[in-house]
Amino acid sequence: MKKIYIAVIFIFILSCSFAQGGLGYYYDYNGHFNVFDKGNNIQLESNHVDSIRAGVDYIAYIDYRGTLRVYYNGETQTIEEDVPSSMFATPYALVYKMAQRLMVFEHGEKKQLAKAVYEFTAEENIVTWVDMQSVYIMAHENGQTNIVEGSVSANVIRSCRTGNNIFAYSDMNNNFKVYYGGQVYETGATLITDYACGKNIVAYVDGFNNTFNVFYNNKARQISDRVPKSYTVAANMVSYVDFDDNFMLFYNGSIVQLESWVPLAQKARGNMIEYFNNTDLKMIYGGRTYNVDKFIPNPYVLLGPNSALYLDNNKRPKYFYKGKLATDFMNEEVKDMYLIWDLPVFKYGTNTIGFYYNGKLYDYETNK
């Protein structure tokens, strides 16, 4: 196996602004439901709401009358008069069921995907479901709906997993297949013991040949002739600990040795992979490795699709976004913090909520 060694990139501290998407929400001191939209504060409801689902460009909720409403592009509209039986938020689409009906709200429009479904999965750019009438596996992406796998009985597939824009499954004959870009691809593998999906990529362990493989760029390929000790999958990349305890990265068709040791932890989300060893906190973004910080002990890091949020050794929040690190933007002691996709949200003071957007902290008084 050819190994490519790359230098670790040391990130710089960011004091200027940089843009990131996302909407936030909170209850003000009067109990009104408000949305934070790129620095603007807008009251949506004067009463309490339920079942809030937030995307990057919309916020959905159930109002006090039991109707489903969505805030999008500065306006709020009612899209259903009753409460959905289930709802799932992706960055740019709200996917939900009304009894058996499968619906989607995306780019400001509501659309019915199926009259009746057994179950569904929803990721950033793909929705999959089992149609109740035909028992077919169906997929919706980029405004198009396609048949993934047909069936002549109630048994369609043995197992399946969904990634950002990809769907992998084993059919009833144990053939491992990948649905991607509107097409179904045969991998040639039949005994898969483990697999995971990211964006544009599937990593899987071939139990028959005891190899580690990826489906990437419309084809399957072996990246290790031995089963890894651990692995994680993100957008266009897979990190893994090989048989010899080297920490490796498959990215954009190339294999890179990141470290000659086993990280204490590794996890992935969206375009991000985070790993930690000794005191070094490192991030992989866009195939590059960044030395982010030093910690004692192991830090707790929140990952967004393109970001990471954590408290340093002095309990101050730091925000890593697309290869840049923002610090010193808050002097208050943080009581709680979380990410809405890539938007950092903080709770501090007596009853204050803050949203860190475009290099600036916006704070509001809240009743919670």
Protein backbone atom coordinates (compact mmCIF):
# COMPACT_ATOMS: atom_id res chain seq x y z
CA MET A 1 0.00 0.00 0.00
CA LYS A 2 1.35 3.38 -0.94
CA LYS A 3 1.41 5.79 1.98
CA ILE A 4 1.46 9.55 1.54
CA TYR A 5 2.77 11.58 4.45
CA ILE A 6 1.47 15.09 4.94
CA ALA A 7 2.41 17.84 7.33
CA VAL A 8 0.07 18.88 10.09
CA ILE A 9 -1.25 22.40 9.55
CA PHE A 10 -1.19 24.69 12.56
CA ILE A 11 -4.27 26.87 12.61
CA PHE A 12 -4.28 30.55 13.39
CA ILE A 13 -6.47 32.30 15.94
CA LEU A 14 -9.29 34.16 14.28
CA SER A 15 -10.24 37.63 15.47
CA CYS A 16 -12.03 38.79 12.32
CA SER A 17 -15.43 37.61 11.16
CA PHE A 18 -16.34 34.59 9.05
CA ALA A 19 -19.76 33.51 7.89
CA GLN A 20 -21.65 30.41 8.86
CA GLY A 21 -25.28 29.45 8.34
CA GLY A 22 -27.96 28.40 10.74
CA LEU A 23 -30.95 29.66 12.66
CA GLY A 24 -31.50 29.75 16.40
CA TYR A 25 -34.51 30.13 18.65
CA TYR A 26 -35.40 30.97 22.25
CA TYR A 27 -38.16 32.22 24.58
CA ASP A 28 -37.75 35.85 25.60
CA TYR A 29 -38.39 37.21 29.12
CA ASN A 30 -42.13 37.48 28.31
CA GLY A 31 -42.32 33.86 27.21
CA HIS A 32 -42.65 34.70 23.51
CA PHE A 33 -41.10 32.33 21.00
CA ASN A 34 -38.37 34.08 18.98
CA VAL A 35 -36.11 33.15 16.11
CA PHE A 36 -32.53 34.32 15.69
CA ASP A 37 -31.90 34.76 11.97
CA LYS A 38 -28.36 35.88 11.03
CA GLY A 39 -28.23 38.64 13.61
CA ASN A 40 -31.92 39.54 13.46
CA ASN A 41 -34.37 38.78 16.24
CA ILE A 42 -37.95 38.00 15.17
CA GLN A 43 -40.90 37.07 17.38
CA LEU A 44 -42.80 34.13 15.88
CA GLU A 45 -45.37 33.25 18.56
CA SER A 46 -46.63 34.80 21.79
CA ASN A 47 -47.42 31.37 23.23
CA HIS A 48 -45.42 28.27 24.04
CA VAL A 49 -44.66 25.92 21.12
CA ASP A 50 -43.74 22.24 20.95
CA SER A 51 -41.69 19.82 18.84
CA ILE A 52 -39.21 22.41 17.55
CA ARG A 53 -37.11 21.22 14.60
CA ALA A 54 -34.34 23.47 13.30
CA GLY A 55 -32.57 23.30 9.96
CA VAL A 56 -30.01 25.64 8.45
CA ASP A 57 -32.65 27.72 6.63
CA TYR A 58 -35.92 26.91 8.46
CA ILE A 59 -37.46 26.31 11.89
CA ALA A 60 -40.54 24.11 12.28
CA TYR A 61 -42.76 23.76 15.34
CA ILE A 62 -46.22 22.87 16.62
CA ASP A 63 -48.10 25.96 17.81
CA TYR A 64 -50.62 26.13 20.68
CA ARG A 65 -53.47 25.20 18.32
CA GLY A 66 -51.76 21.96 17.29
CA THR A 67 -50.81 23.05 13.76
CA LEU A 68 -47.44 22.55 12.10
CA ARG A 69 -45.81 25.87 11.19
CA VAL A 70 -42.53 26.64 9.46
CA TYR A 71 -40.40 29.79 9.49
CA TYR A 72 -38.50 30.11 6.19
CA ASN A 73 -36.91 33.05 4.40
CA GLY A 74 -38.31 35.61 6.84
CA GLU A 75 -41.90 34.33 6.74
CA THR A 76 -43.96 31.88 8.79
CA GLN A 77 -46.61 29.64 7.29
CA THR A 78 -48.87 26.80 8.40
CA ILE A 79 -48.15 23.65 6.40
CA GLU A 80 -50.38 21.15 8.28
CA GLU A 81 -53.51 21.62 10.39
CA ASP A 82 -52.72 18.57 12.54
CA VAL A 83 -49.73 17.23 14.44
CA PRO A 84 -47.46 14.89 12.42
CA SER A 85 -46.92 11.39 13.71
CA SER A 86 -43.15 11.88 13.31
CA MET A 87 -40.78 14.62 12.16
CA PHE A 88 -37.10 14.72 11.25
CA ALA A 89 -35.01 17.79 10.46
CA THR A 90 -32.23 17.76 7.89
CA PRO A 91 -30.30 20.98 7.16
CA TYR A 92 -32.53 22.02 4.27
CA ALA A 93 -35.63 19.82 4.53
CA LEU A 94 -38.23 18.92 7.11
CA VAL A 95 -39.35 15.32 6.57
CA TYR A 96 -42.47 14.16 8.38
CA LYS A 97 -45.37 11.70 8.39
CA MET A 98 -49.05 12.57 8.56
CA ALA A 99 -50.48 9.20 9.67
CA GLN A 100 -49.04 7.04 6.85
CA ARG A 101 -48.35 9.87 4.37
CA LEU A 102 -44.70 10.84 3.90
CA MET A 103 -44.16 14.57 3.35
CA VAL A 104 -41.23 16.93 2.83
CA PHE A 105 -40.90 20.70 3.18
CA GLU A 106 -37.82 21.97 1.36
CA HIS A 107 -36.81 25.25 -0.23
CA GLY A 108 -40.08 26.80 0.91
CA GLU A 109 -42.38 24.23 -0.66
CA LYS A 110 -44.36 21.25 0.68
CA LYS A 111 -44.45 18.00 -1.29
CA GLN A 112 -45.92 14.52 -0.78
CA LEU A 113 -43.34 11.79 -1.27
CA ALA A 114 -45.61 8.77 -0.74
CA LYS A 115 -49.23 8.00 0.16
CA ALA A 116 -48.29 5.32 2.67
CA VAL A 117 -44.93 4.19 4.09
CA TYR A 118 -43.81 1.69 6.71
CA GLU A 119 -40.76 3.61 7.84
CA PHE A 120 -38.31 6.20 6.56
CA THR A 121 -34.83 7.61 7.06
CA ALA A 122 -33.77 11.17 6.33
CA GLU A 123 -30.26 12.53 5.96
CA GLU A 124 -28.89 15.81 4.62
CA ASN A 125 -29.56 15.17 0.94
CA ILE A 126 -31.53 11.94 0.74
CA VAL A 127 -34.77 10.45 2.08
CA THR A 128 -35.41 6.71 1.85
CA TRP A 129 -38.49 4.69 2.72
CA VAL A 130 -40.35 1.40 2.25
CA ASP A 131 -43.51 1.99 0.23
CA MET A 132 -46.48 0.32 1.90
CA GLN A 133 -48.31 -0.59 -1.30
CA SER A 134 -45.46 -1.88 -3.50
CA VAL A 135 -43.01 -2.77 -0.66
CA TYR A 136 -40.29 -1.16 -2.80
CA ILE A 137 -37.35 0.68 -1.31
CA MET A 138 -37.64 4.27 -2.57
CA ALA A 139 -35.33 7.29 -2.44
CA HIS A 140 -35.85 11.03 -2.89
CA GLU A 141 -32.98 13.42 -3.61
CA ASN A 142 -32.50 16.61 -5.60
CA GLY A 143 -36.24 16.78 -6.21
CA GLN A 144 -36.36 13.33 -7.83
CA THR A 145 -37.89 10.07 -6.54
CA ASN A 146 -36.46 6.71 -7.68
CA ILE A 147 -36.89 2.99 -6.99
CA VAL A 148 -33.85 1.63 -5.17
CA GLU A 149 -34.87 -2.01 -4.81
CA GLY A 150 -38.00 -3.77 -6.06
CA SER A 151 -39.66 -6.66 -4.27
CA VAL A 152 -42.07 -9.51 -4.83
CA SER A 153 -42.67 -10.07 -1.11
CA ALA A 154 -42.63 -8.19 2.19
CA ASN A 155 -38.92 -9.01 2.57
CA VAL A 156 -36.91 -6.45 0.63
CA ILE A 157 -33.45 -6.17 2.21
CA ARG A 158 -31.56 -7.67 5.15
CA SER A 159 -29.93 -4.48 6.45
CA CYS A 160 -29.38 -0.87 5.40
CA ARG A 161 -27.70 2.36 6.45
CA THR A 162 -27.96 5.90 5.13
CA GLY A 163 -25.34 8.61 4.79
CA ASN A 164 -25.48 12.26 3.80
CA ASN A 165 -26.39 11.48 0.18
CA ILE A 166 -25.87 7.73 -0.09
CA PHE A 167 -27.68 4.52 0.85
CA ALA A 168 -25.99 1.15 1.41
CA TYR A 169 -27.74 -2.18 1.91
CA SER A 170 -27.54 -5.95 1.69
CA ASP A 171 -30.29 -7.51 -0.40
CA MET A 172 -32.04 -10.79 0.38
CA ASN A 173 -29.20 -12.71 -1.34
CA ASN A 174 -26.61 -10.90 0.83
CA ASN A 175 -25.32 -8.88 -2.13
CA PHE A 176 -23.95 -5.61 -0.82
CA LYS A 177 -25.16 -2.67 -2.90
CA VAL A 178 -24.91 1.12 -2.84
CA TYR A 179 -27.49 3.58 -4.10
CA TYR A 180 -25.78 6.82 -5.08
CA GLY A 181 -26.57 9.61 -7.52
CA GLY A 182 -29.79 7.93 -8.65
CA GLN A 183 -28.15 4.58 -9.47
CA VAL A 184 -27.61 1.24 -7.74
CA TYR A 185 -24.04 -0.10 -7.77
CA GLU A 186 -22.93 -3.67 -7.12
CA THR A 187 -19.87 -3.87 -4.86
CA GLY A 188 -19.21 -7.56 -5.49
CA ALA A 189 -19.19 -8.24 -1.74
CA THR A 190 -21.59 -10.74 -0.17
CA LEU A 191 -20.59 -11.12 3.48
CA ILE A 192 -20.44 -7.69 5.14
CA THR A 193 -19.79 -7.74 8.87
CA ASP A 194 -19.82 -3.97 9.42
CA TYR A 195 -20.33 -0.80 7.40
CA ALA A 196 -20.98 2.93 7.74
CA CYS A 197 -21.94 5.75 5.37
CA GLY A 198 -20.76 9.35 5.05
CA LYS A 199 -21.09 11.86 2.23
CA ASN A 200 -20.21 10.33 -1.17
CA ILE A 201 -18.62 7.33 0.57
CA VAL A 202 -19.33 4.00 2.26
CA ALA A 203 -16.76 2.08 4.32
CA TYR A 204 -17.29 -1.62 4.90
CA VAL A 205 -15.61 -4.76 6.24
CA ASP A 206 -15.68 -7.72 3.86
CA GLY A 207 -16.06 -10.69 6.19
CA PHE A 208 -15.39 -13.24 3.45
CA ASN A 209 -12.01 -11.79 2.43
CA ASN A 210 -11.22 -10.08 5.78
CA THR A 211 -10.49 -6.79 4.02
CA PHE A 212 -11.41 -3.15 4.58
CA ASN A 213 -13.04 -1.46 1.62
CA VAL A 214 -14.70 1.74 0.48
CA PHE A 215 -17.24 2.61 -2.15
CA TYR A 216 -16.14 5.96 -3.51
CA ASN A 217 -16.30 7.75 -6.84
CA ASN A 218 -18.86 5.22 -8.14
CA LYS A 219 -16.73 2.14 -7.52
CA ALA A 220 -15.60 -0.22 -4.78
CA ARG A 221 -11.96 -0.58 -3.82
CA GLN A 222 -9.90 -2.26 -1.12
CA ILE A 223 -7.92 0.09 1.12
CA SER A 224 -6.51 -2.47 3.55
CA ASP A 225 -5.88 -6.21 3.27
CA ARG A 226 -6.61 -6.56 6.99
CA VAL A 227 -9.61 -5.55 9.08
CA PRO A 228 -9.07 -2.25 10.95
CA LYS A 229 -9.29 -2.06 14.71
CA SER A 230 -11.64 0.92 14.49
CA TYR A 231 -12.87 3.41 11.91
CA THR A 232 -15.13 6.39 11.37
CA VAL A 233 -16.69 7.88 8.23
CA ALA A 234 -17.22 11.52 7.26
CA ALA A 235 -17.61 13.43 3.97
CA ASN A 236 -15.30 11.96 1.31
CA MET A 237 -13.05 10.43 3.96
CA VAL A 238 -12.56 7.52 6.33
CA SER A 239 -10.21 7.50 9.32
CA TYR A 240 -9.13 4.16 10.75
CA VAL A 241 -6.66 2.40 13.00
CA ASP A 242 -4.96 -0.31 10.96
CA PHE A 243 -3.74 -3.70 12.11
CA ASP A 244 -0.34 -2.23 13.06
CA ASP A 245 -1.86 0.57 15.19
CA ASN A 246 -1.21 3.32 12.65
CA PHE A 247 -3.86 5.99 12.39
CA MET A 248 -4.77 6.28 8.71
CA LEU A 249 -6.93 8.47 6.51
CA PHE A 250 -8.56 7.71 3.18
CA TYR A 251 -9.43 11.00 1.51
CA ASN A 252 -10.36 11.83 -2.06
CA GLY A 253 -8.93 8.54 -3.36
CA SER A 254 -5.59 8.69 -1.50
CA ILE A 255 -4.41 6.94 1.67
CA VAL A 256 -2.57 9.06 4.24
CA GLN A 257 -0.83 7.99 7.43
CA LEU A 258 -1.82 10.57 10.02
CA GLU A 259 -0.10 9.18 13.10
CA SER A 260 1.99 6.18 14.14
CA TRP A 261 -0.12 5.73 17.27
CA VAL A 262 -3.70 4.94 18.24
CA PRO A 263 -5.82 7.98 19.14
CA LEU A 264 -7.60 7.91 22.46
CA ALA A 265 -10.82 8.85 20.67
CA GLN A 266 -12.04 9.56 17.15
CA LYS A 267 -15.47 10.66 15.99
CA ALA A 268 -16.96 12.15 12.85
CA ARG A 269 -19.82 14.30 11.67
CA GLY A 270 -20.40 15.91 8.29
CA ASN A 271 -17.05 17.21 6.98
CA MET A 272 -15.31 16.84 10.34
CA ILE A 273 -13.23 14.17 12.06
CA GLU A 274 -11.97 14.84 15.57
CA TYR A 275 -9.31 12.82 17.35
CA PHE A 276 -7.36 13.13 20.58
CA ASN A 277 -4.10 11.76 21.93
CA ASN A 278 -2.18 12.66 25.10
CA THR A 279 -2.89 16.41 25.30
CA ASP A 280 -3.35 17.12 21.60
CA LEU A 281 -6.78 17.87 20.19
CA LYS A 282 -6.77 17.58 16.39
CA MET A 283 -9.36 18.10 13.66
CA ILE A 284 -9.49 16.84 10.10
CA TYR A 285 -11.36 19.12 7.74
CA GLY A 286 -11.23 18.91 3.97
CA GLY A 287 -8.56 16.21 4.16
CA ARG A 288 -6.22 18.43 6.21
CA THR A 289 -5.19 17.86 9.81
CA TYR A 290 -5.21 20.81 12.22
CA ASN A 291 -3.56 21.03 15.64
CA VAL A 292 -6.38 22.78 17.47
CA ASP A 293 -5.50 22.81 21.16
CA LYS A 294 -3.83 21.09 24.12
CA PHE A 295 -5.86 19.66 26.97
CA ILE A 296 -5.60 18.06 30.34
CA PRO A 297 -7.74 16.00 30.63
CA ASN A 298 -9.55 14.74 27.51
CA PRO A 299 -11.99 17.46 26.36
CA TYR A 300 -15.64 17.06 25.47
CA VAL A 301 -16.10 18.36 21.93
CA LEU A 302 -19.37 19.12 20.14
CA LEU A 303 -19.21 18.54 16.40
CA GLY A 304 -21.25 20.26 13.70
CA PRO A 305 -21.16 19.51 9.97
CA ASN A 306 -18.25 21.96 9.51
CA SER A 307 -17.42 22.94 13.08
CA ALA A 308 -16.38 22.00 16.59
CA LEU A 309 -17.25 23.70 19.88
CA TYR A 310 -15.53 23.08 23.20
CA LEU A 311 -14.34 24.61 26.47
CA ASP A 312 -10.61 25.01 26.93
CA ASN A 313 -8.67 24.35 30.13
CA ASN A 314 -9.77 27.77 31.44
CA LYS A 315 -13.44 26.91 30.77
CA ARG A 316 -13.61 29.41 27.92
CA PRO A 317 -15.48 28.45 24.75
CA LYS A 318 -13.59 28.03 21.50
CA TYR A 319 -15.11 27.54 18.08
CA PHE A 320 -13.40 25.78 15.17
CA TYR A 321 -15.06 26.42 11.82
CA LYS A 322 -13.77 25.37 8.40
CA GLY A 323 -10.13 25.34 9.46
CA LYS A 324 -10.14 28.48 11.62
CA LEU A 325 -10.35 28.85 15.39
CA ALA A 326 -12.25 31.65 17.13
CA THR A 327 -11.39 32.50 20.75
CA ASP A 328 -11.90 35.27 23.30
CA PHE A 329 -15.41 36.08 22.14
CA MET A 330 -17.00 35.49 25.56
CA ASN A 331 -15.98 36.55 29.06
CA GLU A 332 -18.94 35.06 30.91
CA GLU A 333 -18.90 31.64 32.54
CA VAL A 334 -20.86 29.28 30.32
CA LYS A 335 -23.60 27.25 31.99
CA ASP A 336 -24.59 25.33 28.86
CA MET A 337 -23.71 25.32 25.18
CA TYR A 338 -24.69 23.44 22.05
CA LEU A 339 -24.64 23.60 18.26
CA ILE A 340 -27.61 24.02 15.94
CA TRP A 341 -25.84 22.58 12.91
CA ASP A 342 -22.90 25.06 12.75
CA LEU A 343 -24.41 27.80 14.92
CA PRO A 344 -23.00 27.94 18.50
CA VAL A 345 -25.54 28.67 21.24
CA PHE A 346 -24.61 29.57 24.83
CA LYS A 347 -26.48 30.00 28.09
CA TYR A 348 -24.86 32.15 30.76
CA GLY A 349 -25.51 34.84 33.36
CA THR A 350 -28.87 34.82 35.13
CA ASN A 351 -31.11 34.22 32.10
CA THR A 352 -29.09 35.03 28.99
CA ILE A 353 -28.82 33.17 25.71
CA GLY A 354 -26.17 34.00 23.13
CA PHE A 355 -25.68 33.09 19.46
CA TYR A 356 -22.22 33.33 17.95
CA TYR A 357 -22.66 34.30 14.31
CA ASN A 358 -20.24 35.76 11.77
CA GLY A 359 -17.63 36.56 14.40
CA LYS A 360 -20.03 38.33 16.78
CA LEU A 361 -21.90 37.24 19.90
CA TYR A 362 -25.59 38.24 19.95
CA ASP A 363 -27.23 37.87 23.36
CA TYR A 364 -30.83 38.11 24.59
CA GLU A 365 -32.66 37.90 27.88
CA THR A 366 -34.69 34.74 28.23
CA ASN A 367 -37.16 33.32 30.76
CA LYS A 368 -35.39 29.95 30.92
